[in-house]
Amino acid sequence: MNISSFTRKEVGNLGESVACEYLRRHGFKILDRNIARKTGELDVVAKKEDTLHFVEVKTILADEFPQTEKVKDDYDPSLNLHEAKVRKVARTGEWYVLEKKWEGEWQVDGCLVWLRRRDGMARVSYLPQIV
């Protein structure tokens, strides 16, 4: 499926769905998605073992996937995982922990998703504990 004509919102939603599937396949249970509060938004809330994970997903459309582990700047969605954004996720995570009365460990993670325009294929890079 060619996704060149997708809006930013559609690309973001598809990237979050891809990230959730990746997390499920790696032993996470997805608890919530797109939780918005005054402090910010949580893209994905997942649990693995006894730890709650607040996963910030960054998605980018690419003509081709990066060829090496060291990503070229043109294809690097991690550039959008800047300090201010990560702080907002952590603050919103604190709210979530209090609201849900969570007493265990929790952390903020990142998930980078590259979506290939011509066919919608995805590549995922999971970044544990970015705070």
N, C-alpha and C. Protein backbone atom coordinates (compact mmCIF):
# COMPACT_ATOMS: atom_id res chain seq x y z
N MET A 1 0.85 -1.17 0.00
CA MET A 1 0.00 0.00 0.00
C MET A 1 0.90 1.24 0.00
N ASN A 2 0.68 2.11 -0.95
CA ASN A 2 1.44 3.35 -1.04
C ASN A 2 0.88 4.34 -0.02
N ILE A 3 1.74 4.86 0.84
CA ILE A 3 1.28 5.76 1.89
C ILE A 3 1.76 7.20 1.68
N SER A 4 2.19 7.51 0.46
CA SER A 4 2.69 8.85 0.15
C SER A 4 1.67 9.94 0.43
N SER A 5 0.40 9.64 0.25
CA SER A 5 -0.63 10.67 0.38
C SER A 5 -1.20 10.76 1.80
N PHE A 6 -0.69 9.98 2.73
CA PHE A 6 -1.18 10.02 4.11
C PHE A 6 -0.91 11.38 4.74
N THR A 7 -1.83 11.85 5.58
CA THR A 7 -1.61 13.08 6.34
C THR A 7 -0.62 12.78 7.48
N ARG A 8 -0.12 13.84 8.10
CA ARG A 8 0.78 13.65 9.25
C ARG A 8 0.12 12.84 10.35
N LYS A 9 -1.16 13.13 10.59
CA LYS A 9 -1.90 12.39 11.62
C LYS A 9 -2.01 10.91 11.27
N GLU A 10 -2.32 10.62 10.01
CA GLU A 10 -2.41 9.23 9.57
C GLU A 10 -1.07 8.51 9.68
N VAL A 11 -0.01 9.20 9.31
CA VAL A 11 1.34 8.63 9.44
C VAL A 11 1.65 8.36 10.91
N GLY A 12 1.33 9.32 11.77
CA GLY A 12 1.57 9.15 13.21
C GLY A 12 0.78 7.99 13.78
N ASN A 13 -0.50 7.88 13.40
CA ASN A 13 -1.33 6.77 13.89
C ASN A 13 -0.80 5.42 13.42
N LEU A 14 -0.39 5.35 12.16
CA LEU A 14 0.16 4.11 11.63
C LEU A 14 1.46 3.76 12.36
N GLY A 15 2.31 4.77 12.59
CA GLY A 15 3.55 4.54 13.32
C GLY A 15 3.30 4.02 14.73
N GLU A 16 2.31 4.57 15.41
CA GLU A 16 1.97 4.10 16.75
C GLU A 16 1.45 2.67 16.73
N SER A 17 0.66 2.34 15.72
CA SER A 17 0.17 0.97 15.60
C SER A 17 1.32 -0.01 15.35
N VAL A 18 2.25 0.39 14.50
CA VAL A 18 3.43 -0.44 14.24
C VAL A 18 4.24 -0.61 15.52
N ALA A 19 4.42 0.49 16.27
CA ALA A 19 5.18 0.43 17.53
C ALA A 19 4.48 -0.51 18.52
N CYS A 20 3.17 -0.44 18.61
CA CYS A 20 2.43 -1.33 19.53
C CYS A 20 2.62 -2.79 19.15
N GLU A 21 2.56 -3.08 17.87
CA GLU A 21 2.76 -4.47 17.42
C GLU A 21 4.18 -4.93 17.75
N TYR A 22 5.15 -4.06 17.53
CA TYR A 22 6.54 -4.38 17.86
C TYR A 22 6.67 -4.68 19.36
N LEU A 23 6.08 -3.83 20.18
CA LEU A 23 6.16 -4.03 21.63
C LEU A 23 5.49 -5.34 22.04
N ARG A 24 4.30 -5.62 21.49
CA ARG A 24 3.61 -6.88 21.80
C ARG A 24 4.50 -8.08 21.48
N ARG A 25 5.13 -8.03 20.33
CA ARG A 25 5.99 -9.14 19.91
C ARG A 25 7.23 -9.29 20.80
N HIS A 26 7.54 -8.25 21.55
CA HIS A 26 8.70 -8.29 22.44
C HIS A 26 8.29 -8.38 23.91
N GLY A 27 7.09 -8.90 24.16
CA GLY A 27 6.68 -9.24 25.51
C GLY A 27 5.98 -8.15 26.31
N PHE A 28 5.63 -7.04 25.67
CA PHE A 28 4.92 -5.97 26.36
C PHE A 28 3.42 -6.19 26.24
N LYS A 29 2.70 -5.72 27.24
CA LYS A 29 1.24 -5.67 27.18
C LYS A 29 0.86 -4.21 27.02
N ILE A 30 0.09 -3.88 26.00
CA ILE A 30 -0.33 -2.50 25.76
C ILE A 30 -1.52 -2.21 26.68
N LEU A 31 -1.37 -1.17 27.51
CA LEU A 31 -2.43 -0.80 28.45
C LEU A 31 -3.28 0.36 27.95
N ASP A 32 -2.65 1.35 27.35
CA ASP A 32 -3.34 2.55 26.89
C ASP A 32 -2.62 3.15 25.70
N ARG A 33 -3.36 3.97 24.95
CA ARG A 33 -2.78 4.74 23.84
C ARG A 33 -3.38 6.13 23.83
N ASN A 34 -2.56 7.09 23.43
CA ASN A 34 -3.01 8.48 23.23
C ASN A 34 -3.74 9.06 24.42
N ILE A 35 -3.10 9.03 25.57
CA ILE A 35 -3.63 9.61 26.79
C ILE A 35 -3.19 11.07 26.84
N ALA A 36 -4.13 11.99 26.79
CA ALA A 36 -3.80 13.42 26.77
C ALA A 36 -4.23 14.09 28.07
N ARG A 37 -3.34 14.88 28.61
CA ARG A 37 -3.60 15.69 29.80
C ARG A 37 -2.97 17.06 29.59
N LYS A 38 -3.19 17.96 30.54
CA LYS A 38 -2.61 19.30 30.44
C LYS A 38 -1.09 19.25 30.28
N THR A 39 -0.46 18.28 30.90
CA THR A 39 1.00 18.19 30.89
C THR A 39 1.56 17.64 29.58
N GLY A 40 0.72 17.01 28.76
CA GLY A 40 1.20 16.44 27.51
C GLY A 40 0.41 15.20 27.12
N GLU A 41 1.00 14.41 26.23
CA GLU A 41 0.33 13.20 25.75
C GLU A 41 1.25 12.00 25.89
N LEU A 42 0.65 10.87 26.21
CA LEU A 42 1.36 9.61 26.24
C LEU A 42 0.93 8.83 25.00
N ASP A 43 1.87 8.54 24.11
CA ASP A 43 1.52 7.81 22.89
C ASP A 43 1.09 6.39 23.22
N VAL A 44 1.96 5.68 23.97
CA VAL A 44 1.68 4.29 24.32
C VAL A 44 2.06 4.06 25.77
N VAL A 45 1.17 3.42 26.50
CA VAL A 45 1.47 2.98 27.87
C VAL A 45 1.47 1.46 27.81
N ALA A 46 2.61 0.87 28.18
CA ALA A 46 2.75 -0.58 28.10
C ALA A 46 3.34 -1.10 29.41
N LYS A 47 3.19 -2.39 29.61
CA LYS A 47 3.74 -3.01 30.80
C LYS A 47 4.53 -4.24 30.38
N LYS A 48 5.70 -4.39 30.98
CA LYS A 48 6.49 -5.60 30.78
C LYS A 48 7.04 -6.01 32.13
N GLU A 49 6.73 -7.25 32.50
CA GLU A 49 7.07 -7.75 33.82
C GLU A 49 6.46 -6.80 34.85
N ASP A 50 7.26 -6.22 35.74
CA ASP A 50 6.71 -5.35 36.79
C ASP A 50 6.98 -3.87 36.54
N THR A 51 7.24 -3.50 35.28
CA THR A 51 7.57 -2.12 34.96
C THR A 51 6.57 -1.54 33.96
N LEU A 52 6.16 -0.31 34.24
CA LEU A 52 5.29 0.45 33.36
C LEU A 52 6.19 1.25 32.41
N HIS A 53 5.86 1.24 31.13
CA HIS A 53 6.66 1.94 30.12
C HIS A 53 5.79 2.98 29.42
N PHE A 54 6.25 4.23 29.45
CA PHE A 54 5.61 5.29 28.70
C PHE A 54 6.44 5.47 27.44
N VAL A 55 5.88 5.09 26.30
CA VAL A 55 6.65 5.03 25.06
C VAL A 55 6.25 6.19 24.15
N GLU A 56 7.22 7.04 23.87
CA GLU A 56 7.04 8.15 22.93
C GLU A 56 7.42 7.64 21.55
N VAL A 57 6.48 7.69 20.61
CA VAL A 57 6.70 7.16 19.28
C VAL A 57 6.96 8.32 18.31
N LYS A 58 8.03 8.20 17.54
CA LYS A 58 8.34 9.18 16.50
C LYS A 58 8.41 8.44 15.18
N THR A 59 7.63 8.91 14.21
CA THR A 59 7.52 8.24 12.92
C THR A 59 7.94 9.18 11.81
N ILE A 60 8.60 8.62 10.81
CA ILE A 60 8.99 9.41 9.66
C ILE A 60 8.74 8.60 8.39
N LEU A 61 8.30 9.27 7.35
CA LEU A 61 8.18 8.64 6.04
C LEU A 61 9.53 8.69 5.36
N ALA A 62 9.92 7.61 4.71
CA ALA A 62 11.21 7.56 4.02
C ALA A 62 11.02 6.89 2.67
N ASP A 63 11.82 7.30 1.71
CA ASP A 63 11.81 6.62 0.42
C ASP A 63 12.44 5.24 0.57
N GLU A 64 13.50 5.18 1.35
CA GLU A 64 14.19 3.91 1.65
C GLU A 64 14.59 3.92 3.11
N PHE A 65 14.78 2.73 3.67
CA PHE A 65 15.26 2.63 5.04
C PHE A 65 16.73 3.01 5.10
N PRO A 66 17.18 3.52 6.23
CA PRO A 66 18.62 3.77 6.38
C PRO A 66 19.38 2.45 6.20
N GLN A 67 20.56 2.53 5.61
CA GLN A 67 21.32 1.32 5.31
C GLN A 67 22.23 0.86 6.43
N THR A 68 22.47 1.71 7.41
CA THR A 68 23.37 1.34 8.50
C THR A 68 22.71 1.64 9.83
N GLU A 69 23.32 1.13 10.90
CA GLU A 69 22.82 1.42 12.25
C GLU A 69 22.96 2.90 12.56
N LYS A 70 24.03 3.53 12.06
CA LYS A 70 24.19 4.97 12.25
C LYS A 70 23.31 5.66 11.22
N VAL A 71 22.23 6.21 11.69
CA VAL A 71 21.21 6.75 10.81
C VAL A 71 21.64 8.10 10.26
N LYS A 72 21.43 8.28 8.95
CA LYS A 72 21.69 9.58 8.35
C LYS A 72 20.64 10.57 8.87
N ASP A 73 21.04 11.83 9.01
CA ASP A 73 20.12 12.85 9.54
C ASP A 73 18.81 12.93 8.77
N ASP A 74 18.84 12.68 7.46
CA ASP A 74 17.63 12.75 6.65
C ASP A 74 16.56 11.77 7.14
N TYR A 75 16.98 10.70 7.76
CA TYR A 75 16.06 9.64 8.16
C TYR A 75 15.93 9.49 9.66
N ASP A 76 16.34 10.45 10.43
CA ASP A 76 16.48 10.25 11.87
C ASP A 76 15.32 10.86 12.66
N PRO A 77 14.29 10.06 12.97
CA PRO A 77 13.17 10.59 13.75
C PRO A 77 13.55 10.89 15.20
N SER A 78 14.70 10.40 15.66
CA SER A 78 15.10 10.67 17.04
C SER A 78 15.39 12.16 17.26
N LEU A 79 15.58 12.90 16.17
CA LEU A 79 15.79 14.34 16.31
C LEU A 79 14.57 15.01 16.94
N ASN A 80 13.41 14.36 16.82
CA ASN A 80 12.19 14.88 17.43
C ASN A 80 12.01 14.43 18.87
N LEU A 81 12.94 13.64 19.38
CA LEU A 81 12.90 13.21 20.79
C LEU A 81 13.80 14.13 21.61
N HIS A 82 13.54 15.41 21.55
CA HIS A 82 14.38 16.38 22.25
C HIS A 82 14.02 16.43 23.73
N GLU A 83 14.89 17.05 24.50
CA GLU A 83 14.78 17.06 25.96
C GLU A 83 13.43 17.59 26.46
N ALA A 84 12.94 18.68 25.86
CA ALA A 84 11.68 19.26 26.32
C ALA A 84 10.52 18.28 26.11
N LYS A 85 10.52 17.58 24.98
CA LYS A 85 9.45 16.62 24.70
C LYS A 85 9.50 15.45 25.68
N VAL A 86 10.69 14.97 25.96
CA VAL A 86 10.85 13.84 26.88
C VAL A 86 10.43 14.24 28.29
N ARG A 87 10.73 15.48 28.69
CA ARG A 87 10.30 15.98 30.00
C ARG A 87 8.78 16.01 30.10
N LYS A 88 8.12 16.45 29.02
CA LYS A 88 6.64 16.48 29.02
C LYS A 88 6.08 15.07 29.18
N VAL A 89 6.67 14.11 28.50
CA VAL A 89 6.21 12.73 28.61
C VAL A 89 6.40 12.24 30.04
N ALA A 90 7.54 12.56 30.64
CA ALA A 90 7.81 12.13 32.02
C ALA A 90 6.81 12.77 32.99
N ARG A 91 6.50 14.06 32.81
CA ARG A 91 5.51 14.72 33.68
C ARG A 91 4.13 14.10 33.52
N THR A 92 3.76 13.80 32.28
CA THR A 92 2.47 13.17 32.06
C THR A 92 2.47 11.75 32.61
N GLY A 93 3.61 11.07 32.52
CA GLY A 93 3.74 9.75 33.12
C GLY A 93 3.55 9.79 34.63
N GLU A 94 4.10 10.84 35.26
CA GLU A 94 3.91 10.99 36.72
C GLU A 94 2.43 11.13 37.05
N TRP A 95 1.71 11.90 36.24
CA TRP A 95 0.27 12.03 36.44
C TRP A 95 -0.40 10.66 36.33
N TYR A 96 -0.05 9.90 35.29
CA TYR A 96 -0.66 8.59 35.04
C TYR A 96 -0.41 7.65 36.22
N VAL A 97 0.81 7.65 36.72
CA VAL A 97 1.18 6.80 37.86
C VAL A 97 0.32 7.13 39.08
N LEU A 98 0.15 8.43 39.34
CA LEU A 98 -0.67 8.84 40.48
C LEU A 98 -2.14 8.48 40.28
N GLU A 99 -2.66 8.77 39.10
CA GLU A 99 -4.07 8.49 38.81
C GLU A 99 -4.40 7.00 38.91
N LYS A 100 -3.50 6.17 38.39
CA LYS A 100 -3.73 4.72 38.39
C LYS A 100 -3.25 4.04 39.68
N LYS A 101 -2.68 4.86 40.58
CA LYS A 101 -2.15 4.35 41.85
C LYS A 101 -1.11 3.24 41.63
N TRP A 102 -0.29 3.44 40.60
CA TRP A 102 0.77 2.49 40.28
C TRP A 102 1.88 2.63 41.31
N GLU A 103 2.30 1.53 41.89
CA GLU A 103 3.33 1.58 42.93
C GLU A 103 4.63 0.92 42.51
N GLY A 104 4.69 0.43 41.27
CA GLY A 104 5.90 -0.23 40.81
C GLY A 104 6.84 0.72 40.07
N GLU A 105 7.81 0.13 39.41
CA GLU A 105 8.78 0.89 38.63
C GLU A 105 8.11 1.40 37.35
N TRP A 106 8.63 2.52 36.83
CA TRP A 106 8.17 3.02 35.55
C TRP A 106 9.30 3.76 34.86
N GLN A 107 9.20 3.86 33.55
CA GLN A 107 10.25 4.53 32.79
C GLN A 107 9.69 5.10 31.50
N VAL A 108 10.45 6.02 30.93
CA VAL A 108 10.08 6.63 29.65
C VAL A 108 11.00 6.03 28.58
N ASP A 109 10.39 5.50 27.52
CA ASP A 109 11.13 4.90 26.42
C ASP A 109 10.79 5.63 25.13
N GLY A 110 11.59 5.41 24.12
CA GLY A 110 11.32 5.94 22.79
C GLY A 110 11.17 4.80 21.81
N CYS A 111 10.41 5.04 20.76
CA CYS A 111 10.27 4.06 19.69
C CYS A 111 10.29 4.84 18.38
N LEU A 112 11.31 4.57 17.57
CA LEU A 112 11.45 5.24 16.28
C LEU A 112 10.91 4.33 15.19
N VAL A 113 10.08 4.90 14.33
CA VAL A 113 9.46 4.10 13.26
C VAL A 113 9.72 4.80 11.93
N TRP A 114 10.31 4.06 11.01
CA TRP A 114 10.47 4.52 9.64
C TRP A 114 9.42 3.79 8.81
N LEU A 115 8.61 4.53 8.05
CA LEU A 115 7.62 3.93 7.15
C LEU A 115 8.04 4.22 5.71
N ARG A 116 8.17 3.16 4.92
CA ARG A 116 8.57 3.34 3.53
C ARG A 116 7.36 3.75 2.71
N ARG A 117 7.50 4.88 2.01
CA ARG A 117 6.38 5.49 1.28
C ARG A 117 5.71 4.54 0.29
N ARG A 118 6.50 3.84 -0.50
CA ARG A 118 5.94 3.09 -1.63
C ARG A 118 5.11 1.88 -1.23
N ASP A 119 5.40 1.30 -0.03
CA ASP A 119 4.68 0.08 0.31
C ASP A 119 4.24 0.00 1.78
N GLY A 120 4.55 1.02 2.57
CA GLY A 120 4.11 1.03 3.96
C GLY A 120 4.88 0.09 4.87
N MET A 121 5.94 -0.53 4.36
CA MET A 121 6.77 -1.39 5.21
C MET A 121 7.41 -0.53 6.29
N ALA A 122 7.69 -1.16 7.44
CA ALA A 122 8.19 -0.39 8.58
C ALA A 122 9.50 -0.97 9.11
N ARG A 123 10.30 -0.09 9.69
CA ARG A 123 11.47 -0.47 10.46
C ARG A 123 11.33 0.22 11.81
N VAL A 124 11.62 -0.51 12.89
CA VAL A 124 11.43 0.01 14.24
C VAL A 124 12.74 -0.06 15.00
N SER A 125 12.99 0.98 15.78
CA SER A 125 14.13 1.00 16.70
C SER A 125 13.59 1.41 18.07
N TYR A 126 13.74 0.51 19.03
CA TYR A 126 13.24 0.75 20.40
C TYR A 126 14.38 1.30 21.24
N LEU A 127 14.10 2.39 21.96
CA LEU A 127 15.10 3.05 22.81
C LEU A 127 14.63 3.02 24.25
N PRO A 128 15.14 2.06 25.04
CA PRO A 128 14.70 1.97 26.43
C PRO A 128 15.26 3.10 27.28
N GLN A 129 14.49 3.52 28.24
CA GLN A 129 14.89 4.48 29.27
C GLN A 129 15.62 5.71 28.72
N ILE A 130 14.87 6.55 28.03
CA ILE A 130 15.49 7.74 27.43
C ILE A 130 15.58 8.91 28.40
N VAL A 131 15.05 8.73 29.60
CA VAL A 131 15.16 9.78 30.63
C VAL A 131 16.17 9.32 31.65
